[in-house]
Amino acid sequence: MAFQLPKYLKRYLDTKGRIPFENYTNNSTYYSQLDYYWINYMEYVIRPCIAYGSGAVDGVHNNALSSGTGFALVNGASRVVRGDKTYFEGDDYTCEKLGGAWATYSNFSKFLDRAIRFTMLCGSAPIKIDIDRLGRSSLSAVRLDRSLISTDDAGNVNSAVFFVSILSNLKREIGEQIEYWLVEERKYNEALKPVIVYKVFRKSGVANSPTLPSPYQVGVSFENLPPRVKQELVRNGINRLNEEMELPFTDGLGVWLLTRTGVNSCVPDAPFGDPLLYGLLDLLWSLDVVYSGSMIDVLNGEGKILVPKQFLQETMARLQAQNPGMAFDVTTAELDGYKDESFVYVMPSMFDKDKMAPTPVQFEIRSTAYREMWELYQKEAAVRAGFSPTSIFPHLVPDNSAKTATEVTAEENLTRASVKQFHGLFLPVINRAIQEIARLEGLDDNVELKLSDYIGNKLQSDQNIRENFAAGLIPKEAAVQAINNLSAAETREYLEKLKNEQQESMEAAFNERDYFGQAESAGFDDRRSGNENQNTDQAGDIPPDAEK
């Protein structure tokens, strides 16, 4: 799918440090273990989307100059969906515990970022609950091509295999040559009990491209592992291998499958969603072509000297006369890709400048044309993915004409609808995992995760909420919560503090001297009691001599 470069450019680019990144682990073994029904889908849909979205080469994406637009698109969409606020709603005590100590030691924010990005990248992402040796629970997200997932018609996972990691330290000890894969399998046993089986396999493949093991074989026994590997397993709470251990979860295997879309476009009955880049591969290839073409112009734009062909022939004849028996090529080695006799990089001396003066040539770099094509394809790619272009690529140059309010609203609504759709599919599954975590921690499972909605024009949205509150259409608590993006508990605390501050302010202003806050402005005398006419009697009548 990538752009094919001329030979002279490939020689320049095919050097260490200029080739694109590659996935560290060879995926060939993984794809070979898939059921025949899924091989084509995973190979021709998921695999290229992962390659483009990761900015990495993986077989289907060769070593052309890559623009990295797919990588930027996935990251930008993940940031927009993630939002700037995450909080828990439900039982106050549970929310306090999960949002405090548990979220800190389980690194919940990192898990959420990985889960969203993997779902965007692959269309689906399995998540699971892990329990360490201290009995603490946490959530982890796994990329789809590092797992084998089977589900029922309702989307519940009934079998899962995870290629967790390579058991190895960065610092190799003397004499050690073997590294090991840790594989985790969760399933229902013959008694229909949820169980987990850990297996360890020796790493195979070359040093820089290890291959994934087959999880259906029996792994190495715990006793036969090196001490270092045993210690690493124990630190992760694993002290038994190749044995079924019952899982403590009430909601199945403690594994759930997140999906970006509710329907799979390629395989209608598949439990997986569409990757974000599905349907964009032609545009991403076009962006690669534009980027590669611009790079070719830059490299071709080096200054060259144009000399007459006759002058070159005369120079060759002199060289042959001075070196009899030696053959000379008509063109230089640097121009092997062109086969054009009119370009040379050297200019001999001893010639008549007036008759045969060489002409310097500088090719024009068509930056304006490339930019227009580049931005056109980027806008189309963002819209196809379901987002307004500037929400993903803020560097895009706006149109010369000002956009109407309808056009701006349509773009913002596109992004808002995509974010809302993703939240509608993502959060119910995440909340099942959160509620299972609450039960494991001995807390009330009346809790839900909330992500902030996308608000394109924050000022306009806040003004709309204020106007609705002023008109009596929404309560004060709802307005404060929406404008400040607070949870229900934070909103109540917020309003309570405001109430206390207002009460303190009123008490400080309440005194006999300035009861109505206007004593000085009315010209009141401090010695007066506040009666505007002290000469009147108690009934307020005017004194007799005042009439005179």
Foldseek 3Di string as FASTA:
>chain_A
DADDDFPLVCVVQPDPPRFWAADQAQLPQLLVPDDPVCNCVCVPAQVVLLCLLVRHDHPVYGGFQAPSLNVLQLVLLLDLLQADDKFKDFDPVLRCVCVPPVCVVQVVVVQSSVQSSLCQRRQKWKKFWAAAQVRAIHIHIDRPSQKDFDADQVQHTAKMKGFDDKQDDPDDDPPDDKIKTKMKIWHQDPVRFIWIAIAIAIWDDDDRYTYDDDPVDHHDFLVPDDPSSCVVCVRRVDNGHPDIDGDPFPRHNRMGMFGLDCADPPDRSDSGGHHLCVVPPVLSNVLSVLVSVLVVLVVVQPKWKFWDLVVLVVVLVVVCVVPPPDDDDLADPSCPSPPDNGTDRDDDDDDDCVPINIDMDGDDRPVVVSLVSNLVSQQVSQVSSQAGSCSSVVVRDDDPDDDDPVVVVVRQVSSQVSSVNSCVRGFVRVLVSVLRSQVSVVHHSGMGMDRDGRDDDLVVVLVVLVVCVVVVNDDPLVSVCNNVVDHSVVSVVVVVVVVVVVVVVVVVQPDQCQNPPCNVVVPHDSPDNPPPDPPADPVRDDDPVVVD
